[in-house]
């Protein structure tokens, strides 16, 4: 795994360490250039807490999932691919529950994080809150 940038908050390191301890296969972080390229393709700017995490962990490898929460965090490339393949150009997913039963992500023009399953439901105010929910197996994700 690549070295953690010195300006990254401790929650990112704690999250990465937790995922490794849980046996989740994670991908090494990506550069700011890759994040910005993805943002340009999506027409959306990711929040700084997401960028911080993705500089250290670029999602889960090979669609691996946290067996506690049943969530799989997507790499940047999959975020782009899912967006391009989607008919809804306002929703930007970054993870899914139970092998794509539903996705969790952003909605352009709206604050917060949303669960997209038949309808759009707000589940958190920030990306970091969702990561904490994943790490603590929150039932709001189901």
C-alpha atoms as a PDB file:
ATOM      1  CA  UNK A   1       0.000   0.000   0.000  1.00  0.00           C
ATOM      2  CA  UNK A   2       1.289   3.470  -0.747  1.00  0.00           C
ATOM      3  CA  UNK A   3       2.497   5.781   1.972  1.00  0.00           C
ATOM      4  CA  UNK A   4      -0.184   7.927   3.590  1.00  0.00           C
ATOM      5  CA  UNK A   5       0.178  11.606   2.652  1.00  0.00           C
ATOM      6  CA  UNK A   6       1.250  13.655   5.650  1.00  0.00           C
ATOM      7  CA  UNK A   7      -1.764  15.982   5.519  1.00  0.00           C
ATOM      8  CA  UNK A   8      -4.372  13.206   5.691  1.00  0.00           C
ATOM      9  CA  UNK A   9      -6.624  13.074   8.749  1.00  0.00           C
ATOM     10  CA  UNK A  10      -6.207  10.194  11.168  1.00  0.00           C
ATOM     11  CA  UNK A  11      -9.729   8.883  10.381  1.00  0.00           C
ATOM     12  CA  UNK A  12      -8.493   7.907   6.917  1.00  0.00           C
ATOM     13  CA  UNK A  13      -5.610   5.906   8.354  1.00  0.00           C
ATOM     14  CA  UNK A  14      -7.890   4.350  10.980  1.00  0.00           C
ATOM     15  CA  UNK A  15     -10.395   3.383   8.280  1.00  0.00           C
ATOM     16  CA  UNK A  16      -7.700   1.859   6.076  1.00  0.00           C
ATOM     17  CA  UNK A  17      -6.294  -0.092   9.023  1.00  0.00           C
ATOM     18  CA  UNK A  18      -9.762  -1.337  10.024  1.00  0.00           C
ATOM     19  CA  UNK A  19     -10.509  -2.569   6.502  1.00  0.00           C
ATOM     20  CA  UNK A  20      -7.182  -4.419   6.345  1.00  0.00           C
ATOM     21  CA  UNK A  21      -7.884  -6.007   9.745  1.00  0.00           C
ATOM     22  CA  UNK A  22     -11.301  -7.119   8.465  1.00  0.00           C
ATOM     23  CA  UNK A  23      -9.579  -8.844   5.556  1.00  0.00           C
ATOM     24  CA  UNK A  24     -10.954  -6.525   2.889  1.00  0.00           C
ATOM     25  CA  UNK A  25      -8.808  -6.362  -0.226  1.00  0.00           C
ATOM     26  CA  UNK A  26      -8.191  -2.658  -0.826  1.00  0.00           C
ATOM     27  CA  UNK A  27      -6.577  -0.870  -3.726  1.00  0.00           C
ATOM     28  CA  UNK A  28      -3.737   1.626  -3.280  1.00  0.00           C
ATOM     29  CA  UNK A  29      -4.762   5.267  -3.342  1.00  0.00           C
ATOM     30  CA  UNK A  30      -4.973   7.378  -6.468  1.00  0.00           C
ATOM     31  CA  UNK A  31      -3.448  10.712  -7.333  1.00  0.00           C
ATOM     32  CA  UNK A  32      -5.254  14.026  -7.193  1.00  0.00           C
ATOM     33  CA  UNK A  33      -4.941  14.105 -11.008  1.00  0.00           C
ATOM     34  CA  UNK A  34      -7.006  10.898 -11.309  1.00  0.00           C
ATOM     35  CA  UNK A  35      -9.610  12.231  -8.880  1.00  0.00           C
ATOM     36  CA  UNK A  36      -9.839  15.512 -10.808  1.00  0.00           C
ATOM     37  CA  UNK A  37     -10.106  13.657 -14.135  1.00  0.00           C
ATOM     38  CA  UNK A  38     -13.002  11.620 -12.739  1.00  0.00           C
ATOM     39  CA  UNK A  39     -14.654  14.798 -11.451  1.00  0.00           C
ATOM     40  CA  UNK A  40     -14.366  16.345 -14.919  1.00  0.00           C
ATOM     41  CA  UNK A  41     -15.943  13.264 -16.543  1.00  0.00           C
ATOM     42  CA  UNK A  42     -18.838  13.336 -14.067  1.00  0.00           C
ATOM     43  CA  UNK A  43     -19.344  17.094 -13.955  1.00  0.00           C
ATOM     44  CA  UNK A  44     -19.183  16.884 -10.169  1.00  0.00           C
ATOM     45  CA  UNK A  45     -16.675  17.810  -7.466  1.00  0.00           C
ATOM     46  CA  UNK A  46     -16.141  15.252  -4.739  1.00  0.00           C
ATOM     47  CA  UNK A  47     -16.014  16.504  -1.154  1.00  0.00           C
ATOM     48  CA  UNK A  48     -12.587  16.842   0.454  1.00  0.00           C
ATOM     49  CA  UNK A  49     -13.162  13.945   2.872  1.00  0.00           C
ATOM     50  CA  UNK A  50     -13.738  11.601  -0.078  1.00  0.00           C
ATOM     51  CA  UNK A  51     -10.624  12.876  -1.828  1.00  0.00           C
ATOM     52  CA  UNK A  52      -8.634  12.325   1.370  1.00  0.00           C
ATOM     53  CA  UNK A  53      -9.746   8.693   1.596  1.00  0.00           C
ATOM     54  CA  UNK A  54      -9.216   7.971  -2.090  1.00  0.00           C
ATOM     55  CA  UNK A  55      -5.665   9.321  -1.937  1.00  0.00           C
ATOM     56  CA  UNK A  56      -4.990   6.422   0.462  1.00  0.00           C
ATOM     57  CA  UNK A  57      -7.522   3.742  -0.561  1.00  0.00           C
ATOM     58  CA  UNK A  58      -8.968   3.546  -4.069  1.00  0.00           C
ATOM     59  CA  UNK A  59     -11.902   1.407  -3.040  1.00  0.00           C
ATOM     60  CA  UNK A  60     -12.109  -2.354  -2.649  1.00  0.00           C
ATOM     61  CA  UNK A  61     -10.267  -4.668  -5.027  1.00  0.00           C
ATOM     62  CA  UNK A  62     -12.228  -7.033  -7.290  1.00  0.00           C
ATOM     63  CA  UNK A  63     -15.629  -6.016  -5.879  1.00  0.00           C
ATOM     64  CA  UNK A  64     -14.595  -7.254  -2.435  1.00  0.00           C
ATOM     65  CA  UNK A  65     -16.979  -6.281   0.343  1.00  0.00           C
ATOM     66  CA  UNK A  66     -17.021  -5.712   4.057  1.00  0.00           C
ATOM     67  CA  UNK A  67     -18.757  -8.891   5.233  1.00  0.00           C
ATOM     68  CA  UNK A  68     -20.142  -7.067   8.285  1.00  0.00           C
ATOM     69  CA  UNK A  69     -21.913  -4.288   6.411  1.00  0.00           C
ATOM     70  CA  UNK A  70     -22.172  -6.067   3.015  1.00  0.00           C
ATOM     71  CA  UNK A  71     -20.895  -2.879   1.362  1.00  0.00           C
ATOM     72  CA  UNK A  72     -18.395  -2.675  -1.484  1.00  0.00           C
ATOM     73  CA  UNK A  73     -16.605   0.656  -1.963  1.00  0.00           C
ATOM     74  CA  UNK A  74     -15.914   1.320  -5.633  1.00  0.00           C
ATOM     75  CA  UNK A  75     -12.587   2.359  -7.155  1.00  0.00           C
ATOM     76  CA  UNK A  76     -12.543   5.661  -9.069  1.00  0.00           C
ATOM     77  CA  UNK A  77     -12.679   3.818 -12.391  1.00  0.00           C
ATOM     78  CA  UNK A  78     -15.864   2.001 -11.393  1.00  0.00           C
ATOM     79  CA  UNK A  79     -17.446   5.240 -10.163  1.00  0.00           C
ATOM     80  CA  UNK A  80     -16.833   6.624 -13.651  1.00  0.00           C
ATOM     81  CA  UNK A  81     -18.045   3.450 -15.416  1.00  0.00           C
ATOM     82  CA  UNK A  82     -21.249   3.183 -13.359  1.00  0.00           C
ATOM     83  CA  UNK A  83     -22.035   6.850 -13.998  1.00  0.00           C
ATOM     84  CA  UNK A  84     -21.462   6.534 -17.742  1.00  0.00           C
ATOM     85  CA  UNK A  85     -23.629   3.396 -17.927  1.00  0.00           C
ATOM     86  CA  UNK A  86     -26.436   4.934 -15.857  1.00  0.00           C
ATOM     87  CA  UNK A  87     -29.491   6.651 -17.311  1.00  0.00           C
ATOM     88  CA  UNK A  88     -29.602   8.985 -14.284  1.00  0.00           C
ATOM     89  CA  UNK A  89     -26.908  11.609 -14.792  1.00  0.00           C
ATOM     90  CA  UNK A  90     -27.711  13.256 -11.450  1.00  0.00           C
ATOM     91  CA  UNK A  91     -26.809  10.292  -9.216  1.00  0.00           C
ATOM     92  CA  UNK A  92     -23.137   9.460  -8.635  1.00  0.00           C
ATOM     93  CA  UNK A  93     -22.685   6.199  -6.781  1.00  0.00           C
ATOM     94  CA  UNK A  94     -19.529   5.282  -4.896  1.00  0.00           C
ATOM     95  CA  UNK A  95     -20.537   1.998  -3.263  1.00  0.00           C
ATOM     96  CA  UNK A  96     -23.201  -0.678  -3.288  1.00  0.00           C
ATOM     97  CA  UNK A  97     -24.907  -2.942  -0.792  1.00  0.00           C
ATOM     98  CA  UNK A  98     -25.278  -6.700  -1.203  1.00  0.00           C
ATOM     99  CA  UNK A  99     -23.833  -7.056  -4.699  1.00  0.00           C
ATOM    100  CA  UNK A 100     -25.621  -4.119  -6.300  1.00  0.00           C
ATOM    101  CA  UNK A 101     -28.965  -4.481  -4.541  1.00  0.00           C
ATOM    102  CA  UNK A 102     -28.763  -0.707  -4.254  1.00  0.00           C
ATOM    103  CA  UNK A 103     -26.167   2.033  -4.526  1.00  0.00           C
ATOM    104  CA  UNK A 104     -25.101   4.824  -2.216  1.00  0.00           C
ATOM    105  CA  UNK A 105     -23.796   8.118  -3.516  1.00  0.00           C
ATOM    106  CA  UNK A 106     -24.250  11.780  -4.274  1.00  0.00           C
ATOM    107  CA  UNK A 107     -27.040  13.569  -6.098  1.00  0.00           C
ATOM    108  CA  UNK A 108     -26.029  16.599  -8.152  1.00  0.00           C
ATOM    109  CA  UNK A 109     -27.427  19.841  -6.789  1.00  0.00           C
ATOM    110  CA  UNK A 110     -28.377  18.332  -3.412  1.00  0.00           C
ATOM    111  CA  UNK A 111     -26.386  18.214  -0.202  1.00  0.00           C
ATOM    112  CA  UNK A 112     -25.787  14.899   1.521  1.00  0.00           C
ATOM    113  CA  UNK A 113     -25.401  11.240   0.721  1.00  0.00           C
ATOM    114  CA  UNK A 114     -28.251   9.171  -0.667  1.00  0.00           C
ATOM    115  CA  UNK A 115     -29.309   5.555  -0.913  1.00  0.00           C
ATOM    116  CA  UNK A 116     -30.736   4.826  -4.346  1.00  0.00           C
ATOM    117  CA  UNK A 117     -33.183   1.917  -4.160  1.00  0.00           C
ATOM    118  CA  UNK A 118     -36.478   2.384  -5.984  1.00  0.00           C
ATOM    119  CA  UNK A 119     -36.407   5.959  -4.658  1.00  0.00           C
ATOM    120  CA  UNK A 120     -33.727   8.330  -3.399  1.00  0.00           C
ATOM    121  CA  UNK A 121     -33.389   8.563   0.391  1.00  0.00           C
ATOM    122  CA  UNK A 122     -30.992  10.838   2.270  1.00  0.00           C
ATOM    123  CA  UNK A 123     -28.952   8.820   4.770  1.00  0.00           C
ATOM    124  CA  UNK A 124     -26.114  11.143   5.840  1.00  0.00           C
ATOM    125  CA  UNK A 125     -24.810  14.665   5.536  1.00  0.00           C
ATOM    126  CA  UNK A 126     -21.186  13.826   4.647  1.00  0.00           C
ATOM    127  CA  UNK A 127     -19.085  11.177   2.958  1.00  0.00           C
ATOM    128  CA  UNK A 128     -17.166  10.586   6.173  1.00  0.00           C
ATOM    129  CA  UNK A 129     -20.411   9.896   8.030  1.00  0.00           C
ATOM    130  CA  UNK A 130     -21.261   7.185   5.502  1.00  0.00           C
ATOM    131  CA  UNK A 131     -17.824   5.607   5.887  1.00  0.00           C
ATOM    132  CA  UNK A 132     -18.343   5.616   9.667  1.00  0.00           C
ATOM    133  CA  UNK A 133     -21.788   4.047   9.110  1.00  0.00           C
ATOM    134  CA  UNK A 134     -20.200   1.337   6.964  1.00  0.00           C
ATOM    135  CA  UNK A 135     -17.509   0.685   9.561  1.00  0.00           C
ATOM    136  CA  UNK A 136     -20.166   0.438  12.297  1.00  0.00           C
ATOM    137  CA  UNK A 137     -22.641  -1.678  10.295  1.00  0.00           C
ATOM    138  CA  UNK A 138     -25.437   0.895  10.363  1.00  0.00           C
ATOM    139  CA  UNK A 139     -28.861  -0.432   9.421  1.00  0.00           C
ATOM    140  CA  UNK A 140     -29.552   2.827   7.570  1.00  0.00           C
ATOM    141  CA  UNK A 141     -27.436   1.439   4.721  1.00  0.00           C
ATOM    142  CA  UNK A 142     -29.710  -1.556   4.166  1.00  0.00           C
END
